[in-house]
């Protein structure tokens, strides 16, 4: 049985503070170069909007964030993975194309960020379907890992993400004309901790995986494969000092890339 928070007033207050409410005008303050810009967030589930809004406002102050996506996307690709079918399914990609068009036609966004790692395979179809820039949230992280050099430790918590992440890393290396060697670790217990609301436990299990993996062999850097894993930085804000190598997250590098796109 799920235990609801003891202080629901604080829960709802904090939630609205982070997510805001639908309104035409931008919020107060922000980076003058970003105020007035609108970013469409193409999500693989509804719960991830908290991450999108928190890290979006942290790295893109002044940008209006317009979210699209729902739990049906995640449920469908999870079911496909369990059945041994292609993941993500083609119907998920069609759904992302439809939602991307909605973001442009209804939300009048200036750019779109695909926030779901499992759905990174939708990027070509989405980019072709709309006339605004499209950023795949994992791409800057993969570029950073390939350019950094050394063996890449890819850590995921959701098994459906692994194949898409590995494919994107290899495609990025080929596009940059460089080689890449990687090893993957899936920490499913961290996903269960996240689902139970134990963010600190989630973060500590990721830290444990980094320490254990780097004790066994040498790595050049670490990639945390999902946007949800960006909360790791809340517990370990200086991972290079903590672990002796850079730890790249899509929530930081992805939104920073969007800033470059919106201010170009």
Protein backbone atom coordinates (compact mmCIF):
# COMPACT_ATOMS: atom_id res chain seq x y z
CA UNK A 1 0.00 0.00 0.00
CA UNK A 2 1.30 3.44 -0.94
CA UNK A 3 1.75 5.85 1.95
CA UNK A 4 0.83 9.39 0.99
CA UNK A 5 2.98 12.30 2.26
CA UNK A 6 2.23 13.52 5.76
CA UNK A 7 2.21 17.15 4.64
CA UNK A 8 0.04 17.33 1.51
CA UNK A 9 -0.13 21.14 1.62
CA UNK A 10 3.66 21.28 1.33
CA UNK A 11 3.58 18.64 -1.43
CA UNK A 12 1.10 20.57 -3.58
CA UNK A 13 2.83 23.90 -2.87
CA UNK A 14 6.24 22.58 -3.91
CA UNK A 15 4.78 20.84 -6.95
CA UNK A 16 3.12 23.99 -8.28
CA UNK A 17 6.25 26.02 -7.51
CA UNK A 18 8.28 23.73 -9.76
CA UNK A 19 5.77 22.98 -12.50
CA UNK A 20 3.85 26.24 -12.61
CA UNK A 21 0.43 26.45 -14.20
CA UNK A 22 -0.57 26.94 -17.80
CA UNK A 23 -0.41 30.63 -18.67
CA UNK A 24 0.50 32.68 -21.70
CA UNK A 25 3.05 34.99 -20.11
CA UNK A 26 6.51 33.90 -19.01
CA UNK A 27 7.33 33.66 -15.34
CA UNK A 28 9.15 36.45 -13.50
CA UNK A 29 12.89 36.90 -13.93
CA UNK A 30 15.16 34.65 -15.95
CA UNK A 31 18.00 35.00 -18.42
CA UNK A 32 17.22 37.96 -20.73
CA UNK A 33 18.50 35.90 -23.67
CA UNK A 34 15.93 33.17 -22.88
CA UNK A 35 12.87 35.09 -21.71
CA UNK A 36 10.07 34.71 -24.24
CA UNK A 37 11.39 31.43 -25.64
CA UNK A 38 9.24 28.30 -25.48
CA UNK A 39 10.53 24.74 -25.30
CA UNK A 40 8.43 21.68 -26.05
CA UNK A 41 9.28 18.66 -23.91
CA UNK A 42 8.44 15.33 -25.51
CA UNK A 43 8.25 12.87 -22.61
CA UNK A 44 7.92 9.11 -22.38
CA UNK A 45 5.78 9.26 -19.21
CA UNK A 46 3.84 11.82 -17.20
CA UNK A 47 5.84 11.42 -13.98
CA UNK A 48 9.06 12.61 -15.62
CA UNK A 49 7.60 16.10 -16.09
CA UNK A 50 8.80 16.95 -12.58
CA UNK A 51 12.37 16.28 -13.69
CA UNK A 52 11.82 18.22 -16.91
CA UNK A 53 10.43 21.23 -15.11
CA UNK A 54 13.00 21.23 -12.31
CA UNK A 55 16.11 20.82 -14.42
CA UNK A 56 14.61 22.85 -17.27
CA UNK A 57 14.12 25.83 -14.98
CA UNK A 58 17.52 25.28 -13.40
CA UNK A 59 19.42 25.37 -16.68
CA UNK A 60 17.00 27.45 -18.81
CA UNK A 61 15.74 30.25 -16.52
CA UNK A 62 13.10 32.28 -18.29
CA UNK A 63 12.09 29.65 -20.86
CA UNK A 64 8.44 28.59 -20.87
CA UNK A 65 8.29 24.78 -20.70
CA UNK A 66 5.49 22.99 -22.53
CA UNK A 67 5.21 19.28 -21.71
CA UNK A 68 3.68 16.52 -23.83
CA UNK A 69 3.64 12.75 -23.29
CA UNK A 70 1.89 10.28 -21.03
CA UNK A 71 2.29 6.97 -19.24
CA UNK A 72 0.82 5.02 -22.16
CA UNK A 73 4.10 5.54 -24.02
CA UNK A 74 6.17 3.93 -21.26
CA UNK A 75 3.64 1.16 -20.64
CA UNK A 76 3.59 0.25 -24.32
CA UNK A 77 7.35 0.10 -24.83
CA UNK A 78 7.78 -1.80 -21.56
CA UNK A 79 5.23 -4.37 -22.68
CA UNK A 80 6.98 -4.70 -26.03
CA UNK A 81 10.34 -5.25 -24.28
CA UNK A 82 8.88 -7.94 -22.01
CA UNK A 83 7.40 -9.74 -25.02
CA UNK A 84 10.72 -9.61 -26.88
CA UNK A 85 9.30 -7.29 -29.54
CA UNK A 86 11.07 -4.25 -31.06
CA UNK A 87 11.52 -1.55 -28.43
CA UNK A 88 10.38 1.12 -28.86
CA UNK A 89 7.45 -0.06 -30.98
CA UNK A 90 6.70 1.79 -34.19
CA UNK A 91 3.38 3.00 -32.80
CA UNK A 92 5.30 4.80 -30.05
CA UNK A 93 7.31 6.64 -32.67
CA UNK A 94 4.09 7.58 -34.48
CA UNK A 95 2.72 8.89 -31.17
CA UNK A 96 5.81 11.05 -30.63
CA UNK A 97 5.41 12.51 -34.12
CA UNK A 98 1.78 13.40 -33.36
CA UNK A 99 2.69 14.99 -30.04
CA UNK A 100 5.57 16.92 -31.59
CA UNK A 101 3.19 18.42 -34.13
CA UNK A 102 0.85 19.38 -31.28
CA UNK A 103 3.68 21.13 -29.48
CA UNK A 104 4.42 23.20 -32.58
CA UNK A 105 0.87 23.85 -33.78
CA UNK A 106 -0.82 24.32 -30.39
CA UNK A 107 2.05 25.29 -28.11
CA UNK A 108 3.97 27.42 -30.63
CA UNK A 109 7.28 26.18 -29.24
CA UNK A 110 10.63 27.37 -30.57
CA UNK A 111 12.33 23.97 -30.18
CA UNK A 112 11.57 20.44 -29.00
CA UNK A 113 13.56 18.29 -26.59
CA UNK A 114 13.02 14.51 -26.69
CA UNK A 115 13.53 13.61 -23.03
CA UNK A 116 13.06 9.82 -23.12
CA UNK A 117 16.17 7.69 -23.65
CA UNK A 118 14.23 4.63 -24.76
CA UNK A 119 12.49 6.81 -27.33
CA UNK A 120 15.69 8.31 -28.79
CA UNK A 121 14.99 6.13 -31.84
CA UNK A 122 12.14 8.53 -32.67
CA UNK A 123 14.47 11.44 -33.34
CA UNK A 124 14.69 11.18 -37.16
CA UNK A 125 10.91 10.92 -37.57
CA UNK A 126 10.20 13.77 -35.14
CA UNK A 127 12.83 16.05 -36.67
CA UNK A 128 11.38 15.46 -40.13
CA UNK A 129 7.80 16.11 -38.98
CA UNK A 130 8.26 19.62 -37.56
CA UNK A 131 9.86 22.86 -38.68
CA UNK A 132 11.59 23.76 -35.40
CA UNK A 133 14.91 22.45 -34.06
CA UNK A 134 14.72 19.07 -32.30
CA UNK A 135 17.25 18.00 -29.68
CA UNK A 136 17.61 14.44 -28.39
CA UNK A 137 18.43 14.85 -24.69
CA UNK A 138 21.09 12.11 -24.62
CA UNK A 139 23.03 13.32 -27.66
CA UNK A 140 25.18 15.99 -25.93
CA UNK A 141 26.04 13.49 -23.19
CA UNK A 142 27.12 10.91 -25.76
CA UNK A 143 29.22 13.49 -27.60
CA UNK A 144 30.89 14.47 -24.33
CA UNK A 145 31.66 10.83 -23.54
CA UNK A 146 33.10 10.08 -26.99
CA UNK A 147 35.17 13.28 -27.05
CA UNK A 148 36.46 12.69 -23.52
CA UNK A 149 38.02 9.39 -24.53
CA UNK A 150 38.67 6.21 -22.64
CA UNK A 151 36.28 3.39 -21.95
CA UNK A 152 32.75 4.60 -21.19
CA UNK A 153 30.82 3.16 -18.26
CA UNK A 154 27.12 3.33 -19.17
CA UNK A 155 24.81 2.94 -16.18
CA UNK A 156 21.06 2.49 -16.54
CA UNK A 157 18.30 1.68 -14.08
CA UNK A 158 15.59 0.75 -16.60
CA UNK A 159 16.28 -2.26 -18.80
CA UNK A 160 14.31 -0.89 -21.76
CA UNK A 161 16.85 1.92 -22.08
CA UNK A 162 19.99 -0.17 -22.55
CA UNK A 163 19.78 -1.03 -26.26
CA UNK A 164 18.75 2.49 -27.32
CA UNK A 165 21.56 4.03 -25.26
CA UNK A 166 24.24 1.71 -26.61
CA UNK A 167 23.05 2.29 -30.18
CA UNK A 168 23.15 6.06 -29.74
CA UNK A 169 26.65 5.94 -28.25
CA UNK A 170 27.96 3.92 -31.18
CA UNK A 171 26.18 6.13 -33.73
CA UNK A 172 27.63 9.22 -32.09
CA UNK A 173 31.16 7.83 -32.24
CA UNK A 174 30.73 7.00 -35.93
CA UNK A 175 29.37 10.47 -36.68
CA UNK A 176 32.34 12.07 -34.91
CA UNK A 177 34.78 9.77 -36.66
CA UNK A 178 36.05 8.26 -33.43
CA UNK A 179 36.09 4.86 -31.83
CA UNK A 180 34.37 4.07 -28.57
CA UNK A 181 34.54 1.19 -26.12
CA UNK A 182 31.90 0.85 -23.45
CA UNK A 183 30.64 -1.41 -20.71
CA UNK A 184 27.11 -1.37 -19.35
CA UNK A 185 25.68 -1.83 -15.88
CA UNK A 186 21.97 -1.95 -15.10
CA UNK A 187 21.08 -1.13 -11.50
CA UNK A 188 17.45 -2.22 -11.35
CA UNK A 189 17.26 -1.84 -7.58
CA UNK A 190 17.93 1.89 -8.02
CA UNK A 191 14.86 2.06 -10.27
CA UNK A 192 12.79 0.39 -7.57
CA UNK A 193 14.11 2.85 -4.98
CA UNK A 194 13.18 5.73 -7.27
CA UNK A 195 9.71 4.30 -7.76
CA UNK A 196 9.31 4.08 -3.98
CA UNK A 197 10.27 7.73 -3.55
CA UNK A 198 13.69 6.96 -2.06
CA UNK A 199 15.78 9.40 -4.10
CA UNK A 200 18.77 9.24 -1.76
CA UNK A 201 18.75 5.44 -1.88
CA UNK A 202 18.60 5.61 -5.68
CA UNK A 203 21.58 7.95 -5.75
CA UNK A 204 23.63 5.92 -3.30
CA UNK A 205 23.14 2.74 -5.35
CA UNK A 206 24.39 4.56 -8.45
CA UNK A 207 27.42 5.77 -6.50
CA UNK A 208 28.06 2.20 -5.35
CA UNK A 209 27.87 0.95 -8.94
CA UNK A 210 30.39 3.58 -10.05
CA UNK A 211 32.82 2.74 -7.25
CA UNK A 212 32.57 -1.02 -7.78
CA UNK A 213 32.94 -0.78 -11.56
CA UNK A 214 35.89 1.61 -11.47
CA UNK A 215 37.60 -0.57 -8.84
CA UNK A 216 37.50 -3.54 -11.25
CA UNK A 217 38.74 -1.74 -14.37
CA UNK A 218 39.74 1.64 -15.72
CA UNK A 219 37.14 3.97 -17.26
CA UNK A 220 37.46 7.39 -18.79
CA UNK A 221 33.99 8.61 -17.85
CA UNK A 222 30.53 7.57 -16.74
CA UNK A 223 27.24 8.10 -18.57
CA UNK A 224 23.97 7.96 -16.61
CA UNK A 225 21.58 6.75 -19.27
CA UNK A 226 18.24 8.31 -18.24
CA UNK A 227 16.96 11.79 -17.40
CA UNK A 228 15.52 10.39 -14.16
CA UNK A 229 19.09 9.62 -13.03
CA UNK A 230 20.04 13.32 -13.09
CA UNK A 231 18.87 13.58 -9.47
CA UNK A 232 22.21 11.88 -8.75
CA UNK A 233 23.75 15.36 -8.99
CA UNK A 234 21.65 16.51 -6.02
CA UNK A 235 23.59 14.13 -3.79
CA UNK A 236 26.91 14.25 -5.65
CA UNK A 237 27.19 17.75 -7.18
CA UNK A 238 30.92 17.35 -7.98
CA UNK A 239 31.17 13.76 -9.20
CA UNK A 240 34.67 14.12 -10.64
CA UNK A 241 36.00 15.10 -7.22
CA UNK A 242 33.99 12.31 -5.59
CA UNK A 243 34.78 9.48 -8.00
CA UNK A 244 37.87 10.61 -9.89
CA UNK A 245 36.23 10.78 -13.33
CA UNK A 246 33.47 12.82 -14.97
CA UNK A 247 29.88 11.60 -14.67
CA UNK A 248 27.73 12.91 -17.53
CA UNK A 249 23.97 13.35 -17.15
CA UNK A 250 21.41 14.17 -19.81
CA UNK A 251 19.49 16.52 -17.53
CA UNK A 252 22.49 18.84 -17.36
CA UNK A 253 24.06 18.53 -20.80
CA UNK A 254 20.78 18.15 -22.68
CA UNK A 255 19.26 21.35 -21.34
CA UNK A 256 22.56 23.19 -21.81
CA UNK A 257 22.49 22.18 -25.49
CA UNK A 258 18.95 23.52 -25.77
CA UNK A 259 20.21 26.87 -24.44
CA UNK A 260 22.71 26.99 -27.29
CA UNK A 261 19.92 26.24 -29.78
CA UNK A 262 17.52 28.84 -28.37
CA UNK A 263 20.14 31.59 -28.27
CA UNK A 264 21.78 30.88 -31.64
